[in-house]
Amino acid sequence: METINLDESLKTGIEEIDEQHRGLMETINLLESSSGASDRYKVCLEIILRLKKYLDEHFMTEETYMIRYDYPDFFNHKKEHTEFVKRILEFEMAFVEYYAPYTPMLEFLREWLAIHVKDTDIKMAIFLKEKVKQTK
């Protein structure tokens, strides 16, 4: 598969969020590049740890913006975040049981970009940018 970059279809126009999305893409690319590596098991653990850190930082950022500007679809957006957390914890449990969930994790993360970032996050960003304009 090809390397993922922050192209226009993935940009929210909110620099803080775009930078965090860039970090997620780097993590996906690292996982992708380890496909034939002998230390794939170790890389899976590194990815899981990165993703858990990402959850704390990125979701807090988005949810803070949504609360601050009274985003009307906050609960549905938060529900998607909760589902992401649940899946990452499932991958972690698989890892603990001595299974490196390389392929399912890669598929999940690519799907997350295609659905959540390109759709849910872009809708949120359009709303937020309009709200920010109104407060200036």
C-alpha atoms as a PDB file:
ATOM      1  CA  MET A   1       0.000   0.000   0.000  1.00  0.00           C
ATOM      2  CA  GLU A   2       1.083   3.552  -0.527  1.00  0.00           C
ATOM      3  CA  THR A   3       2.260   6.009   2.093  1.00  0.00           C
ATOM      4  CA  ILE A   4      -0.479   8.187   3.562  1.00  0.00           C
ATOM      5  CA  ASN A   5       0.053  11.942   3.581  1.00  0.00           C
ATOM      6  CA  LEU A   6      -2.087  14.824   4.759  1.00  0.00           C
ATOM      7  CA  ASP A   7      -3.682  15.768   1.442  1.00  0.00           C
ATOM      8  CA  GLU A   8      -6.495  18.255   0.974  1.00  0.00           C
ATOM      9  CA  SER A   9      -9.194  15.629   1.539  1.00  0.00           C
ATOM     10  CA  LEU A  10      -7.849  15.040   5.063  1.00  0.00           C
ATOM     11  CA  LYS A  11      -7.198  18.652   6.087  1.00  0.00           C
ATOM     12  CA  THR A  12      -9.605  20.273   8.490  1.00  0.00           C
ATOM     13  CA  GLY A  13      -8.039  23.710   8.223  1.00  0.00           C
ATOM     14  CA  ILE A  14      -7.543  23.750  11.996  1.00  0.00           C
ATOM     15  CA  GLU A  15      -3.771  23.551  12.349  1.00  0.00           C
ATOM     16  CA  GLU A  16      -3.717  21.863  15.764  1.00  0.00           C
ATOM     17  CA  ILE A  17      -6.038  19.096  14.582  1.00  0.00           C
ATOM     18  CA  ASP A  18      -4.278  18.722  11.227  1.00  0.00           C
ATOM     19  CA  GLU A  19      -0.937  18.346  12.990  1.00  0.00           C
ATOM     20  CA  GLN A  20      -2.369  15.610  15.198  1.00  0.00           C
ATOM     21  CA  HIS A  21      -3.856  13.863  12.140  1.00  0.00           C
ATOM     22  CA  ARG A  22      -0.396  14.049  10.546  1.00  0.00           C
ATOM     23  CA  GLY A  23       0.962  12.172  13.582  1.00  0.00           C
ATOM     24  CA  LEU A  24      -1.688   9.477  13.128  1.00  0.00           C
ATOM     25  CA  MET A  25      -0.695   9.110   9.478  1.00  0.00           C
ATOM     26  CA  GLU A  26       2.959   8.746  10.441  1.00  0.00           C
ATOM     27  CA  THR A  27       1.938   5.992  12.855  1.00  0.00           C
ATOM     28  CA  ILE A  28      -0.036   4.195  10.138  1.00  0.00           C
ATOM     29  CA  ASN A  29       2.915   4.528   7.754  1.00  0.00           C
ATOM     30  CA  LEU A  30       5.242   3.050  10.376  1.00  0.00           C
ATOM     31  CA  LEU A  31       2.924   0.082  10.802  1.00  0.00           C
ATOM     32  CA  GLU A  32       2.674  -0.309   7.029  1.00  0.00           C
ATOM     33  CA  SER A  33       6.442  -0.230   6.556  1.00  0.00           C
ATOM     34  CA  SER A  34       6.945  -2.975   9.125  1.00  0.00           C
ATOM     35  CA  SER A  35       4.971  -5.560   7.140  1.00  0.00           C
ATOM     36  CA  GLY A  36       7.965  -7.756   6.389  1.00  0.00           C
ATOM     37  CA  ALA A  37      10.050  -6.859   9.411  1.00  0.00           C
ATOM     38  CA  SER A  38      11.288  -9.553  11.719  1.00  0.00           C
ATOM     39  CA  ASP A  39      10.383  -7.365  14.715  1.00  0.00           C
ATOM     40  CA  ARG A  40       6.778  -6.849  13.622  1.00  0.00           C
ATOM     41  CA  TYR A  41       5.587  -7.930  17.065  1.00  0.00           C
ATOM     42  CA  LYS A  42       7.626  -5.160  18.689  1.00  0.00           C
ATOM     43  CA  VAL A  43       6.378  -2.613  16.151  1.00  0.00           C
ATOM     44  CA  CYS A  44       2.767  -3.571  16.905  1.00  0.00           C
ATOM     45  CA  LEU A  45       3.356  -2.827  20.576  1.00  0.00           C
ATOM     46  CA  GLU A  46       4.946   0.512  19.702  1.00  0.00           C
ATOM     47  CA  ILE A  47       1.943   1.373  17.522  1.00  0.00           C
ATOM     48  CA  ILE A  48      -0.523   0.447  20.259  1.00  0.00           C
ATOM     49  CA  LEU A  49       1.338   2.652  22.751  1.00  0.00           C
ATOM     50  CA  ARG A  50       1.428   5.534  20.250  1.00  0.00           C
ATOM     51  CA  LEU A  51      -2.269   5.173  19.576  1.00  0.00           C
ATOM     52  CA  LYS A  52      -3.139   5.242  23.271  1.00  0.00           C
ATOM     53  CA  LYS A  53      -1.186   8.496  23.598  1.00  0.00           C
ATOM     54  CA  TYR A  54      -2.935   9.796  20.485  1.00  0.00           C
ATOM     55  CA  LEU A  55      -6.305   9.002  22.044  1.00  0.00           C
ATOM     56  CA  ASP A  56      -5.545  11.102  25.083  1.00  0.00           C
ATOM     57  CA  GLU A  57      -4.213  14.113  23.170  1.00  0.00           C
ATOM     58  CA  HIS A  58      -6.202  14.219  19.970  1.00  0.00           C
ATOM     59  CA  PHE A  59      -9.637  13.297  21.213  1.00  0.00           C
ATOM     60  CA  MET A  60      -9.296  15.765  24.093  1.00  0.00           C
ATOM     61  CA  THR A  61      -8.393  18.496  21.596  1.00  0.00           C
ATOM     62  CA  GLU A  62     -11.365  17.827  19.333  1.00  0.00           C
ATOM     63  CA  GLU A  63     -13.811  17.385  22.185  1.00  0.00           C
ATOM     64  CA  THR A  64     -12.656  20.601  23.831  1.00  0.00           C
ATOM     65  CA  TYR A  65     -13.279  22.516  20.593  1.00  0.00           C
ATOM     66  CA  MET A  66     -16.696  20.897  20.190  1.00  0.00           C
ATOM     67  CA  ILE A  67     -17.741  21.764  23.736  1.00  0.00           C
ATOM     68  CA  ARG A  68     -16.362  25.309  23.542  1.00  0.00           C
ATOM     69  CA  TYR A  69     -18.321  26.060  20.357  1.00  0.00           C
ATOM     70  CA  ASP A  70     -21.414  23.992  21.237  1.00  0.00           C
ATOM     71  CA  TYR A  71     -21.073  21.582  18.313  1.00  0.00           C
ATOM     72  CA  PRO A  72     -24.550  20.104  17.703  1.00  0.00           C
ATOM     73  CA  ASP A  73     -23.286  16.627  16.726  1.00  0.00           C
ATOM     74  CA  PHE A  74     -20.961  16.335  19.719  1.00  0.00           C
ATOM     75  CA  PHE A  75     -22.425  13.118  21.134  1.00  0.00           C
ATOM     76  CA  ASN A  76     -22.277  11.201  17.842  1.00  0.00           C
ATOM     77  CA  HIS A  77     -18.712  12.386  17.269  1.00  0.00           C
ATOM     78  CA  LYS A  78     -17.740  11.404  20.802  1.00  0.00           C
ATOM     79  CA  LYS A  79     -19.361   8.005  20.259  1.00  0.00           C
ATOM     80  CA  GLU A  80     -17.031   7.416  17.306  1.00  0.00           C
ATOM     81  CA  HIS A  81     -14.080   8.338  19.523  1.00  0.00           C
ATOM     82  CA  THR A  82     -15.298   5.867  22.129  1.00  0.00           C
ATOM     83  CA  GLU A  83     -15.492   3.125  19.492  1.00  0.00           C
ATOM     84  CA  PHE A  84     -11.914   3.925  18.415  1.00  0.00           C
ATOM     85  CA  VAL A  85     -10.724   3.593  22.005  1.00  0.00           C
ATOM     86  CA  LYS A  86     -12.543   0.284  22.338  1.00  0.00           C
ATOM     87  CA  ARG A  87     -10.877  -1.113  19.205  1.00  0.00           C
ATOM     88  CA  ILE A  88      -7.395  -0.024  20.305  1.00  0.00           C
ATOM     89  CA  LEU A  89      -7.936  -1.698  23.672  1.00  0.00           C
ATOM     90  CA  GLU A  90      -9.028  -4.857  21.843  1.00  0.00           C
ATOM     91  CA  PHE A  91      -5.788  -4.754  19.830  1.00  0.00           C
ATOM     92  CA  GLU A  92      -3.865  -4.325  23.060  1.00  0.00           C
ATOM     93  CA  MET A  93      -5.588  -7.348  24.592  1.00  0.00           C
ATOM     94  CA  ALA A  94      -4.755  -9.403  21.512  1.00  0.00           C
ATOM     95  CA  PHE A  95      -1.151  -8.336  21.894  1.00  0.00           C
ATOM     96  CA  VAL A  96      -1.160  -9.346  25.560  1.00  0.00           C
ATOM     97  CA  GLU A  97      -2.387 -12.763  24.418  1.00  0.00           C
ATOM     98  CA  TYR A  98       0.729 -13.042  22.196  1.00  0.00           C
ATOM     99  CA  TYR A  99      -0.915 -12.128  18.947  1.00  0.00           C
ATOM    100  CA  ALA A 100       0.427  -9.145  16.984  1.00  0.00           C
ATOM    101  CA  PRO A 101      -2.750  -7.771  15.353  1.00  0.00           C
ATOM    102  CA  TYR A 102      -0.825  -6.227  12.460  1.00  0.00           C
ATOM    103  CA  THR A 103      -3.316  -6.681   9.597  1.00  0.00           C
ATOM    104  CA  PRO A 104      -6.555  -5.953  11.503  1.00  0.00           C
ATOM    105  CA  MET A 105      -4.988  -2.872  13.071  1.00  0.00           C
ATOM    106  CA  LEU A 106      -3.739  -1.562   9.734  1.00  0.00           C
ATOM    107  CA  GLU A 107      -7.128  -2.129   8.101  1.00  0.00           C
ATOM    108  CA  PHE A 108      -8.926  -0.443  11.001  1.00  0.00           C
ATOM    109  CA  LEU A 109      -6.648   2.609  10.955  1.00  0.00           C
ATOM    110  CA  ARG A 110      -6.935   3.064   7.187  1.00  0.00           C
ATOM    111  CA  GLU A 111     -10.722   2.789   7.458  1.00  0.00           C
ATOM    112  CA  TRP A 112     -10.700   5.305  10.332  1.00  0.00           C
ATOM    113  CA  LEU A 113      -8.954   7.847   8.102  1.00  0.00           C
ATOM    114  CA  ALA A 114     -11.320   7.216   5.217  1.00  0.00           C
ATOM    115  CA  ILE A 115     -14.488   7.459   7.274  1.00  0.00           C
ATOM    116  CA  HIS A 116     -13.917   9.396  10.469  1.00  0.00           C
ATOM    117  CA  VAL A 117     -11.317  11.948   9.391  1.00  0.00           C
ATOM    118  CA  LYS A 118     -12.618  12.558   5.848  1.00  0.00           C
ATOM    119  CA  ASP A 119     -16.235  12.760   6.921  1.00  0.00           C
ATOM    120  CA  THR A 120     -16.887  13.270  10.631  1.00  0.00           C
ATOM    121  CA  ASP A 121     -13.882  15.501  11.350  1.00  0.00           C
ATOM    122  CA  ILE A 122     -14.339  17.584   8.187  1.00  0.00           C
ATOM    123  CA  LYS A 123     -17.991  18.276   9.101  1.00  0.00           C
ATOM    124  CA  MET A 124     -16.903  19.296  12.598  1.00  0.00           C
ATOM    125  CA  ALA A 125     -14.182  21.554  11.196  1.00  0.00           C
ATOM    126  CA  ILE A 126     -16.560  23.343   8.832  1.00  0.00           C
ATOM    127  CA  PHE A 127     -18.833  24.105  11.783  1.00  0.00           C
ATOM    128  CA  LEU A 128     -15.953  25.189  14.022  1.00  0.00           C
ATOM    129  CA  LYS A 129     -14.362  27.483  11.437  1.00  0.00           C
ATOM    130  CA  GLU A 130     -17.707  29.211  10.919  1.00  0.00           C
ATOM    131  CA  LYS A 131     -18.150  29.649  14.682  1.00  0.00           C
ATOM    132  CA  VAL A 132     -14.635  31.045  15.055  1.00  0.00           C
ATOM    133  CA  LYS A 133     -15.349  33.600  12.280  1.00  0.00           C
ATOM    134  CA  GLN A 134     -18.487  34.691  14.127  1.00  0.00           C
ATOM    135  CA  THR A 135     -16.611  35.281  17.388  1.00  0.00           C
ATOM    136  CA  LYS A 136     -13.970  37.523  15.759  1.00  0.00           C
END
